[in-house]
C-alpha atoms as a PDB file:
ATOM      1  CA  UNK A   1     107.564 115.040  65.015  1.00  0.00           C
ATOM      2  CA  UNK A   2     104.562 114.802  66.470  1.00  0.00           C
ATOM      3  CA  UNK A   3     102.109 112.329  64.524  1.00  0.00           C
ATOM      4  CA  UNK A   4      99.834 113.868  62.368  1.00  0.00           C
ATOM      5  CA  UNK A   5      97.042 111.543  63.340  1.00  0.00           C
ATOM      6  CA  UNK A   6      95.225 111.508  67.253  1.00  0.00           C
ATOM      7  CA  UNK A   7      96.222 108.951  69.606  1.00  0.00           C
ATOM      8  CA  UNK A   8      94.539 106.935  72.040  1.00  0.00           C
ATOM      9  CA  UNK A   9      95.482 104.913  74.941  1.00  0.00           C
ATOM     10  CA  UNK A  10      93.131 101.862  75.545  1.00  0.00           C
ATOM     11  CA  UNK A  11      93.357  99.776  78.506  1.00  0.00           C
ATOM     12  CA  UNK A  12      91.769  96.825  78.798  1.00  0.00           C
ATOM     13  CA  UNK A  13      92.204  97.115  74.875  1.00  0.00           C
ATOM     14  CA  UNK A  14      92.031  93.416  73.506  1.00  0.00           C
ATOM     15  CA  UNK A  15      88.817  92.237  74.344  1.00  0.00           C
ATOM     16  CA  UNK A  16      84.963  93.559  74.866  1.00  0.00           C
ATOM     17  CA  UNK A  17      84.457  97.172  75.227  1.00  0.00           C
ATOM     18  CA  UNK A  18      87.996  97.848  74.716  1.00  0.00           C
ATOM     19  CA  UNK A  19      88.456  95.706  71.320  1.00  0.00           C
ATOM     20  CA  UNK A  20      85.190  97.234  70.101  1.00  0.00           C
ATOM     21  CA  UNK A  21      86.585 100.750  71.128  1.00  0.00           C
ATOM     22  CA  UNK A  22      90.153 100.375  69.241  1.00  0.00           C
ATOM     23  CA  UNK A  23      88.705  98.820  66.103  1.00  0.00           C
ATOM     24  CA  UNK A  24      86.442 102.297  65.401  1.00  0.00           C
ATOM     25  CA  UNK A  25      89.202 104.474  66.610  1.00  0.00           C
ATOM     26  CA  UNK A  26      90.967 102.456  64.045  1.00  0.00           C
ATOM     27  CA  UNK A  27      88.678 102.848  61.463  1.00  0.00           C
ATOM     28  CA  UNK A  28      88.297 106.528  62.358  1.00  0.00           C
ATOM     29  CA  UNK A  29      92.207 106.948  61.613  1.00  0.00           C
ATOM     30  CA  UNK A  30      93.651 107.301  65.041  1.00  0.00           C
ATOM     31  CA  UNK A  31      96.855 105.673  65.984  1.00  0.00           C
ATOM     32  CA  UNK A  32      96.210 103.660  69.157  1.00  0.00           C
ATOM     33  CA  UNK A  33      98.472 101.755  71.883  1.00  0.00           C
ATOM     34  CA  UNK A  34      96.562  98.686  74.084  1.00  0.00           C
ATOM     35  CA  UNK A  35      97.037  97.951  77.087  1.00  0.00           C
ATOM     36  CA  UNK A  36      96.182  94.768  78.259  1.00  0.00           C
ATOM     37  CA  UNK A  37      96.681  91.990  80.990  1.00  0.00           C
ATOM     38  CA  UNK A  38      96.404  89.339  77.895  1.00  0.00           C
ATOM     39  CA  UNK A  39      99.668  90.361  76.271  1.00  0.00           C
ATOM     40  CA  UNK A  40      99.458  87.646  73.392  1.00  0.00           C
ATOM     41  CA  UNK A  41      95.791  88.912  72.410  1.00  0.00           C
ATOM     42  CA  UNK A  42      96.805  92.411  72.798  1.00  0.00           C
ATOM     43  CA  UNK A  43      99.721  91.500  70.329  1.00  0.00           C
ATOM     44  CA  UNK A  44      97.176  89.802  67.728  1.00  0.00           C
ATOM     45  CA  UNK A  45      95.174  93.171  67.729  1.00  0.00           C
ATOM     46  CA  UNK A  46      97.952  95.254  66.893  1.00  0.00           C
ATOM     47  CA  UNK A  47      99.349  92.726  63.889  1.00  0.00           C
ATOM     48  CA  UNK A  48      95.983  92.716  62.900  1.00  0.00           C
ATOM     49  CA  UNK A  49      96.307  96.733  62.063  1.00  0.00           C
ATOM     50  CA  UNK A  50      99.936  97.331  61.412  1.00  0.00           C
ATOM     51  CA  UNK A  51     101.439 100.706  62.350  1.00  0.00           C
ATOM     52  CA  UNK A  52      98.782 102.316  63.681  1.00  0.00           C
ATOM     53  CA  UNK A  53      98.532 100.025  66.677  1.00  0.00           C
ATOM     54  CA  UNK A  54     100.999  99.193  69.461  1.00  0.00           C
ATOM     55  CA  UNK A  55     100.640  96.750  72.003  1.00  0.00           C
ATOM     56  CA  UNK A  56     101.933  96.804  75.797  1.00  0.00           C
ATOM     57  CA  UNK A  57     101.408  94.198  78.167  1.00  0.00           C
ATOM     58  CA  UNK A  58     100.692  95.073  81.909  1.00  0.00           C
ATOM     59  CA  UNK A  59      99.057  94.594  85.484  1.00  0.00           C
ATOM     60  CA  UNK A  60      96.290  98.011  85.220  1.00  0.00           C
ATOM     61  CA  UNK A  61      96.547  97.820  89.360  1.00  0.00           C
ATOM     62  CA  UNK A  62     100.472  98.165  88.893  1.00  0.00           C
ATOM     63  CA  UNK A  63     101.464 102.184  88.416  1.00  0.00           C
ATOM     64  CA  UNK A  64     104.910 101.326  86.547  1.00  0.00           C
ATOM     65  CA  UNK A  65     103.241  98.764  84.127  1.00  0.00           C
ATOM     66  CA  UNK A  66     100.750 101.774  83.519  1.00  0.00           C
ATOM     67  CA  UNK A  67     103.514 104.051  83.002  1.00  0.00           C
ATOM     68  CA  UNK A  68     105.052 101.870  80.498  1.00  0.00           C
ATOM     69  CA  UNK A  69     102.178 101.960  77.781  1.00  0.00           C
ATOM     70  CA  UNK A  70     101.835 106.220  78.064  1.00  0.00           C
ATOM     71  CA  UNK A  71     105.836 106.528  77.898  1.00  0.00           C
ATOM     72  CA  UNK A  72     105.954 103.980  74.236  1.00  0.00           C
ATOM     73  CA  UNK A  73     103.197 105.547  73.264  1.00  0.00           C
ATOM     74  CA  UNK A  74     104.794 108.815  73.691  1.00  0.00           C
ATOM     75  CA  UNK A  75     107.935 107.802  72.345  1.00  0.00           C
ATOM     76  CA  UNK A  76     106.489 106.429  69.262  1.00  0.00           C
ATOM     77  CA  UNK A  77     103.877 109.203  68.558  1.00  0.00           C
ATOM     78  CA  UNK A  78     105.069 111.947  70.504  1.00  0.00           C
ATOM     79  CA  UNK A  79     101.259 112.928  71.293  1.00  0.00           C
ATOM     80  CA  UNK A  80      98.351 111.398  73.492  1.00  0.00           C
ATOM     81  CA  UNK A  81      94.784 112.773  72.748  1.00  0.00           C
ATOM     82  CA  UNK A  82      92.473 110.380  74.619  1.00  0.00           C
ATOM     83  CA  UNK A  83      92.760 108.104  77.441  1.00  0.00           C
ATOM     84  CA  UNK A  84      90.254 105.499  77.684  1.00  0.00           C
ATOM     85  CA  UNK A  85      90.315 104.002  81.351  1.00  0.00           C
ATOM     86  CA  UNK A  86      88.465 100.594  80.639  1.00  0.00           C
ATOM     87  CA  UNK A  87      89.435  98.218  83.549  1.00  0.00           C
ATOM     88  CA  UNK A  88      87.525  96.415  85.638  1.00  0.00           C
ATOM     89  CA  UNK A  89      86.479  93.214  87.574  1.00  0.00           C
ATOM     90  CA  UNK A  90      83.750  91.793  89.759  1.00  0.00           C
ATOM     91  CA  UNK A  91      83.641  90.986  93.389  1.00  0.00           C
ATOM     92  CA  UNK A  92      85.413  87.707  93.812  1.00  0.00           C
ATOM     93  CA  UNK A  93      83.653  87.135  97.414  1.00  0.00           C
ATOM     94  CA  UNK A  94      80.197  87.490  98.983  1.00  0.00           C
ATOM     95  CA  UNK A  95      81.360  90.693 101.496  1.00  0.00           C
ATOM     96  CA  UNK A  96      78.139  89.709 104.005  1.00  0.00           C
ATOM     97  CA  UNK A  97      78.540  86.129 104.035  1.00  0.00           C
ATOM     98  CA  UNK A  98      79.535  84.837 107.408  1.00  0.00           C
ATOM     99  CA  UNK A  99      83.024  83.350 107.057  1.00  0.00           C
ATOM    100  CA  UNK A 100      85.320  81.111 109.930  1.00  0.00           C
ATOM    101  CA  UNK A 101      86.849  83.386 112.303  1.00  0.00           C
ATOM    102  CA  UNK A 102      90.675  83.330 112.976  1.00  0.00           C
ATOM    103  CA  UNK A 103      92.025  82.064 116.309  1.00  0.00           C
ATOM    104  CA  UNK A 104      92.374  85.449 117.248  1.00  0.00           C
ATOM    105  CA  UNK A 105      88.802  85.503 116.649  1.00  0.00           C
ATOM    106  CA  UNK A 106      88.193  87.928 113.973  1.00  0.00           C
ATOM    107  CA  UNK A 107      87.647  87.171 110.311  1.00  0.00           C
ATOM    108  CA  UNK A 108      90.510  86.739 107.385  1.00  0.00           C
ATOM    109  CA  UNK A 109      91.132  89.972 105.239  1.00  0.00           C
ATOM    110  CA  UNK A 110      88.856  90.533 102.949  1.00  0.00           C
ATOM    111  CA  UNK A 111      89.682  90.293  99.077  1.00  0.00           C
ATOM    112  CA  UNK A 112      89.976  93.970  98.029  1.00  0.00           C
ATOM    113  CA  UNK A 113      91.271  92.882  94.228  1.00  0.00           C
ATOM    114  CA  UNK A 114      88.246  94.256  92.730  1.00  0.00           C
ATOM    115  CA  UNK A 115      88.805  97.588  94.357  1.00  0.00           C
ATOM    116  CA  UNK A 116      92.499  97.810  93.221  1.00  0.00           C
ATOM    117  CA  UNK A 117      91.280  96.972  89.414  1.00  0.00           C
ATOM    118  CA  UNK A 118      88.309  98.888  88.908  1.00  0.00           C
ATOM    119  CA  UNK A 119      89.216 102.104  91.013  1.00  0.00           C
ATOM    120  CA  UNK A 120      92.830 102.604  92.009  1.00  0.00           C
ATOM    121  CA  UNK A 121      94.070 101.496  87.975  1.00  0.00           C
ATOM    122  CA  UNK A 122      91.518 104.461  86.688  1.00  0.00           C
ATOM    123  CA  UNK A 123      93.363 106.577  89.197  1.00  0.00           C
ATOM    124  CA  UNK A 124      96.750 105.421  87.977  1.00  0.00           C
ATOM    125  CA  UNK A 125      95.447 106.495  84.669  1.00  0.00           C
ATOM    126  CA  UNK A 126      94.276 109.546  85.250  1.00  0.00           C
ATOM    127  CA  UNK A 127      97.219 110.711  86.885  1.00  0.00           C
ATOM    128  CA  UNK A 128      99.560 109.717  83.467  1.00  0.00           C
ATOM    129  CA  UNK A 129      96.862 111.309  81.240  1.00  0.00           C
ATOM    130  CA  UNK A 130      97.375 114.733  83.225  1.00  0.00           C
ATOM    131  CA  UNK A 131     100.774 114.679  82.538  1.00  0.00           C
ATOM    132  CA  UNK A 132     101.063 113.177  79.067  1.00  0.00           C
ATOM    133  CA  UNK A 133      98.300 115.985  78.170  1.00  0.00           C
ATOM    134  CA  UNK A 134     100.230 118.921  79.383  1.00  0.00           C
ATOM    135  CA  UNK A 135     103.242 117.539  77.267  1.00  0.00           C
ATOM    136  CA  UNK A 136     101.767 118.817  74.086  1.00  0.00           C
ATOM    137  CA  UNK A 137     101.352 122.001  72.823  1.00  0.00           C
ATOM    138  CA  UNK A 138      97.738 122.358  73.300  1.00  0.00           C
ATOM    139  CA  UNK A 139      98.266 121.234  76.973  1.00  0.00           C
ATOM    140  CA  UNK A 140      94.470 119.508  76.350  1.00  0.00           C
ATOM    141  CA  UNK A 141      93.211 115.881  75.550  1.00  0.00           C
ATOM    142  CA  UNK A 142      90.285 113.551  76.912  1.00  0.00           C
ATOM    143  CA  UNK A 143      89.861 111.269  79.598  1.00  0.00           C
ATOM    144  CA  UNK A 144      86.852 108.614  79.681  1.00  0.00           C
ATOM    145  CA  UNK A 145      86.317 106.249  82.510  1.00  0.00           C
ATOM    146  CA  UNK A 146      84.755 103.057  81.864  1.00  0.00           C
ATOM    147  CA  UNK A 147      82.461 103.201  85.273  1.00  0.00           C
ATOM    148  CA  UNK A 148      79.121 100.971  85.192  1.00  0.00           C
ATOM    149  CA  UNK A 149      75.638 101.070  86.101  1.00  0.00           C
ATOM    150  CA  UNK A 150      76.404  99.999  89.152  1.00  0.00           C
ATOM    151  CA  UNK A 151      78.137 103.287  89.849  1.00  0.00           C
ATOM    152  CA  UNK A 152      74.697 104.864  89.749  1.00  0.00           C
ATOM    153  CA  UNK A 153      72.447 102.273  91.250  1.00  0.00           C
ATOM    154  CA  UNK A 154      73.115 100.380  94.430  1.00  0.00           C
ATOM    155  CA  UNK A 155      73.970  96.760  93.841  1.00  0.00           C
ATOM    156  CA  UNK A 156      73.553  94.540  96.603  1.00  0.00           C
ATOM    157  CA  UNK A 157      75.176  91.497  94.437  1.00  0.00           C
ATOM    158  CA  UNK A 158      78.441  93.403  93.841  1.00  0.00           C
ATOM    159  CA  UNK A 159      79.423  95.687  96.413  1.00  0.00           C
ATOM    160  CA  UNK A 160      82.722  96.391  96.565  1.00  0.00           C
ATOM    161  CA  UNK A 161      82.742  96.889  92.552  1.00  0.00           C
ATOM    162  CA  UNK A 162      79.898  99.069  92.913  1.00  0.00           C
ATOM    163  CA  UNK A 163      81.861 100.760  95.833  1.00  0.00           C
ATOM    164  CA  UNK A 164      84.770 101.488  93.312  1.00  0.00           C
ATOM    165  CA  UNK A 165      82.706 101.955  90.214  1.00  0.00           C
ATOM    166  CA  UNK A 166      80.952 105.063  92.297  1.00  0.00           C
ATOM    167  CA  UNK A 167      84.375 106.214  92.980  1.00  0.00           C
ATOM    168  CA  UNK A 168      85.179 106.258  89.320  1.00  0.00           C
ATOM    169  CA  UNK A 169      81.759 108.642  88.541  1.00  0.00           C
ATOM    170  CA  UNK A 170      83.097 110.827  91.440  1.00  0.00           C
ATOM    171  CA  UNK A 171      86.605 111.415  89.883  1.00  0.00           C
ATOM    172  CA  UNK A 172      85.380 112.077  86.333  1.00  0.00           C
ATOM    173  CA  UNK A 173      82.926 114.795  87.687  1.00  0.00           C
ATOM    174  CA  UNK A 174      85.711 115.989  90.057  1.00  0.00           C
ATOM    175  CA  UNK A 175      88.033 116.188  87.341  1.00  0.00           C
ATOM    176  CA  UNK A 176      85.871 117.762  84.760  1.00  0.00           C
ATOM    177  CA  UNK A 177      84.810 119.996  87.430  1.00  0.00           C
ATOM    178  CA  UNK A 178      88.618 121.365  88.498  1.00  0.00           C
ATOM    179  CA  UNK A 179      89.404 121.766  84.659  1.00  0.00           C
ATOM    180  CA  UNK A 180      86.539 124.158  84.485  1.00  0.00           C
ATOM    181  CA  UNK A 181      87.500 125.944  87.470  1.00  0.00           C
ATOM    182  CA  UNK A 182      90.803 126.237  86.097  1.00  0.00           C
ATOM    183  CA  UNK A 183      89.943 126.763  82.349  1.00  0.00           C
ATOM    184  CA  UNK A 184      91.965 123.578  81.538  1.00  0.00           C
ATOM    185  CA  UNK A 185      91.880 122.288  78.419  1.00  0.00           C
ATOM    186  CA  UNK A 186      91.616 118.484  79.770  1.00  0.00           C
ATOM    187  CA  UNK A 187      88.183 116.907  79.775  1.00  0.00           C
ATOM    188  CA  UNK A 188      86.711 113.834  81.840  1.00  0.00           C
ATOM    189  CA  UNK A 189      84.008 111.629  81.143  1.00  0.00           C
ATOM    190  CA  UNK A 190      82.700 108.758  82.551  1.00  0.00           C
ATOM    191  CA  UNK A 191      80.550 106.131  80.716  1.00  0.00           C
ATOM    192  CA  UNK A 192      78.403 103.546  82.773  1.00  0.00           C
ATOM    193  CA  UNK A 193      77.008 101.068  80.732  1.00  0.00           C
ATOM    194  CA  UNK A 194      74.916  98.304  81.990  1.00  0.00           C
ATOM    195  CA  UNK A 195      74.914  94.708  81.347  1.00  0.00           C
ATOM    196  CA  UNK A 196      77.530  94.466  78.377  1.00  0.00           C
ATOM    197  CA  UNK A 197      78.252  90.625  77.051  1.00  0.00           C
ATOM    198  CA  UNK A 198      81.710  90.710  77.846  1.00  0.00           C
ATOM    199  CA  UNK A 199      84.184  88.381  79.357  1.00  0.00           C
ATOM    200  CA  UNK A 200      83.803  90.399  82.669  1.00  0.00           C
ATOM    201  CA  UNK A 201      80.299  88.619  82.839  1.00  0.00           C
ATOM    202  CA  UNK A 202      79.577  84.810  83.084  1.00  0.00           C
ATOM    203  CA  UNK A 203      78.267  82.853  80.025  1.00  0.00           C
ATOM    204  CA  UNK A 204      75.416  81.555  82.542  1.00  0.00           C
ATOM    205  CA  UNK A 205      74.562  84.967  83.683  1.00  0.00           C
ATOM    206  CA  UNK A 206      74.864  86.392  79.507  1.00  0.00           C
ATOM    207  CA  UNK A 207      72.269  83.574  78.700  1.00  0.00           C
ATOM    208  CA  UNK A 208      69.771  83.828  81.419  1.00  0.00           C
ATOM    209  CA  UNK A 209      69.193  87.248  80.872  1.00  0.00           C
ATOM    210  CA  UNK A 210      66.475  88.333  78.554  1.00  0.00           C
ATOM    211  CA  UNK A 211      68.590  89.964  75.665  1.00  0.00           C
ATOM    212  CA  UNK A 212      66.888  93.090  75.544  1.00  0.00           C
ATOM    213  CA  UNK A 213      68.236  93.720  79.060  1.00  0.00           C
ATOM    214  CA  UNK A 214      72.243  93.682  77.834  1.00  0.00           C
ATOM    215  CA  UNK A 215      73.767  96.434  76.401  1.00  0.00           C
ATOM    216  CA  UNK A 216      75.487  95.937  73.181  1.00  0.00           C
ATOM    217  CA  UNK A 217      79.194  96.931  72.839  1.00  0.00           C
ATOM    218  CA  UNK A 218      78.172  99.432  69.932  1.00  0.00           C
ATOM    219  CA  UNK A 219      76.091 101.073  72.500  1.00  0.00           C
ATOM    220  CA  UNK A 220      79.356 101.980  74.629  1.00  0.00           C
ATOM    221  CA  UNK A 221      81.510 103.053  71.189  1.00  0.00           C
ATOM    222  CA  UNK A 222      78.700 105.213  69.891  1.00  0.00           C
ATOM    223  CA  UNK A 223      78.762 106.883  73.468  1.00  0.00           C
ATOM    224  CA  UNK A 224      82.750 107.008  73.133  1.00  0.00           C
ATOM    225  CA  UNK A 225      82.482 108.210  69.943  1.00  0.00           C
ATOM    226  CA  UNK A 226      79.778 111.218  70.649  1.00  0.00           C
ATOM    227  CA  UNK A 227      82.097 112.352  73.669  1.00  0.00           C
ATOM    228  CA  UNK A 228      85.134 112.637  70.958  1.00  0.00           C
ATOM    229  CA  UNK A 229      82.899 114.897  69.001  1.00  0.00           C
ATOM    230  CA  UNK A 230      81.886 116.885  71.575  1.00  0.00           C
ATOM    231  CA  UNK A 231      78.335 116.461  72.051  1.00  0.00           C
ATOM    232  CA  UNK A 232      78.939 116.110  75.970  1.00  0.00           C
ATOM    233  CA  UNK A 233      80.011 118.557  78.778  1.00  0.00           C
ATOM    234  CA  UNK A 234      82.998 118.288  80.529  1.00  0.00           C
ATOM    235  CA  UNK A 235      83.049 116.108  83.705  1.00  0.00           C
ATOM    236  CA  UNK A 236      79.423 114.576  82.176  1.00  0.00           C
ATOM    237  CA  UNK A 237      78.698 110.980  83.314  1.00  0.00           C
ATOM    238  CA  UNK A 238      77.013 109.310  80.591  1.00  0.00           C
ATOM    239  CA  UNK A 239      74.563 106.313  80.985  1.00  0.00           C
ATOM    240  CA  UNK A 240      74.147 103.701  78.439  1.00  0.00           C
ATOM    241  CA  UNK A 241      71.871 100.852  79.204  1.00  0.00           C
ATOM    242  CA  UNK A 242      70.008  98.395  76.914  1.00  0.00           C
ATOM    243  CA  UNK A 243      69.917 100.953  73.420  1.00  0.00           C
ATOM    244  CA  UNK A 244      69.907 104.546  75.013  1.00  0.00           C
ATOM    245  CA  UNK A 245      72.214 106.819  76.121  1.00  0.00           C
ATOM    246  CA  UNK A 246      72.091 109.829  78.083  1.00  0.00           C
ATOM    247  CA  UNK A 247      73.837 111.864  80.300  1.00  0.00           C
ATOM    248  CA  UNK A 248      73.552 111.723  84.010  1.00  0.00           C
ATOM    249  CA  UNK A 249      73.681 114.675  86.163  1.00  0.00           C
ATOM    250  CA  UNK A 250      74.743 114.821  89.682  1.00  0.00           C
ATOM    251  CA  UNK A 251      72.066 115.770  92.426  1.00  0.00           C
ATOM    252  CA  UNK A 252      71.093 118.754  93.216  1.00  0.00           C
ATOM    253  CA  UNK A 253      72.183 120.360  96.209  1.00  0.00           C
ATOM    254  CA  UNK A 254      70.258 119.943  99.275  1.00  0.00           C
ATOM    255  CA  UNK A 255      70.456 123.351 100.884  1.00  0.00           C
ATOM    256  CA  UNK A 256      72.819 126.717 100.744  1.00  0.00           C
ATOM    257  CA  UNK A 257      75.029 125.129 103.301  1.00  0.00           C
ATOM    258  CA  UNK A 258      75.756 121.787 100.572  1.00  0.00           C
ATOM    259  CA  UNK A 259      76.085 124.097  97.917  1.00  0.00           C
ATOM    260  CA  UNK A 260      78.359 126.211  99.833  1.00  0.00           C
ATOM    261  CA  UNK A 261      80.952 123.369 100.160  1.00  0.00           C
ATOM    262  CA  UNK A 262      80.019 121.524  97.393  1.00  0.00           C
ATOM    263  CA  UNK A 263      81.069 124.514  94.874  1.00  0.00           C
ATOM    264  CA  UNK A 264      84.170 125.576  97.113  1.00  0.00           C
ATOM    265  CA  UNK A 265      83.091 128.744  98.248  1.00  0.00           C
ATOM    266  CA  UNK A 266      85.255 128.861 101.001  1.00  0.00           C
ATOM    267  CA  UNK A 267      88.441 129.097  98.391  1.00  0.00           C
ATOM    268  CA  UNK A 268      88.765 133.060  98.752  1.00  0.00           C
ATOM    269  CA  UNK A 269      88.642 132.142 102.711  1.00  0.00           C
ATOM    270  CA  UNK A 270      91.538 129.853 102.779  1.00  0.00           C
ATOM    271  CA  UNK A 271      94.269 128.682 100.689  1.00  0.00           C
ATOM    272  CA  UNK A 272      93.133 125.512  99.292  1.00  0.00           C
ATOM    273  CA  UNK A 273      96.580 123.984  99.209  1.00  0.00           C
ATOM    274  CA  UNK A 274      96.556 124.071 102.907  1.00  0.00           C
ATOM    275  CA  UNK A 275      94.035 120.881 102.841  1.00  0.00           C
ATOM    276  CA  UNK A 276      96.721 118.719 100.991  1.00  0.00           C
ATOM    277  CA  UNK A 277      99.539 119.757 103.604  1.00  0.00           C
ATOM    278  CA  UNK A 278      96.768 119.008 106.378  1.00  0.00           C
ATOM    279  CA  UNK A 279      96.141 115.822 104.575  1.00  0.00           C
ATOM    280  CA  UNK A 280      99.978 115.257 104.518  1.00  0.00           C
ATOM    281  CA  UNK A 281     100.645 116.002 108.463  1.00  0.00           C
ATOM    282  CA  UNK A 282      98.315 113.532 109.340  1.00  0.00           C
ATOM    283  CA  UNK A 283      99.256 110.964 106.708  1.00  0.00           C
ATOM    284  CA  UNK A 284     102.762 111.047 108.244  1.00  0.00           C
ATOM    285  CA  UNK A 285     101.064 110.156 111.486  1.00  0.00           C
ATOM    286  CA  UNK A 286      99.508 106.947 110.320  1.00  0.00           C
ATOM    287  CA  UNK A 287     102.434 105.891 108.019  1.00  0.00           C
ATOM    288  CA  UNK A 288     104.402 106.354 111.623  1.00  0.00           C
ATOM    289  CA  UNK A 289     102.080 104.428 113.320  1.00  0.00           C
ATOM    290  CA  UNK A 290     101.455 101.597 111.198  1.00  0.00           C
ATOM    291  CA  UNK A 291     103.813 101.383 108.276  1.00  0.00           C
ATOM    292  CA  UNK A 292     102.706 101.586 104.799  1.00  0.00           C
ATOM    293  CA  UNK A 293      98.756 101.446 104.559  1.00  0.00           C
ATOM    294  CA  UNK A 294      98.714 100.352 101.224  1.00  0.00           C
END
């Protein structure tokens, strides 16, 4: 029998914004499944809150690891109402810095871990959330991503992180738009915090900046709480910076041509499934030439 309490999955739930969210949700009578790379820290949080919280250790980059937390949460409570996809990782290299070339005259392959952690992991979370939300009788749920102010504004210091977090914003908006068009009860949002004093940033950076430019974890938790309570529209992107919270709408269309494509007004002329079929054919050719690209 499904739990009488709502159930949330929080990735990165053992510290920082994730931990703040877990504490808030448990205090609001939720059951929570924590997914975190730091299994010991996640287990300590689960032990503190008893039967209302379970913990699963895993790597968010690995689809199979994320499957574990969704299946375990469903097995225990038979419902999932909220997924907080809260994983991020900063650039481990200066993308623009000159490097020594290899014997073939080209530079070595760049480190793309931040793309995998900050974007691909969110795609896995979203895909699984859609599946498990639909297993419920109501077929609905709320999917909330942690993006970043770097997903709204250009960042010259964190190029790949910014690219990934822009991708998260696009994913949230696109999923929300899709749900509204299909009258689907699944809702998607992205929260874009400023500089939050979490393990993601160094102590040196945290101590160097003026205190007023830091965004407290409590502001991110408040933004999420307002999403849960229905104060934002499906697909909205919510910026948290300092002590302010505000929805950020997408850009206005440049002209009727942009609006025609952006609003999908061609859908009556072609079958939208043809896009996927066309991409699949091209993908098969690429894989045939280059092997498994990922």
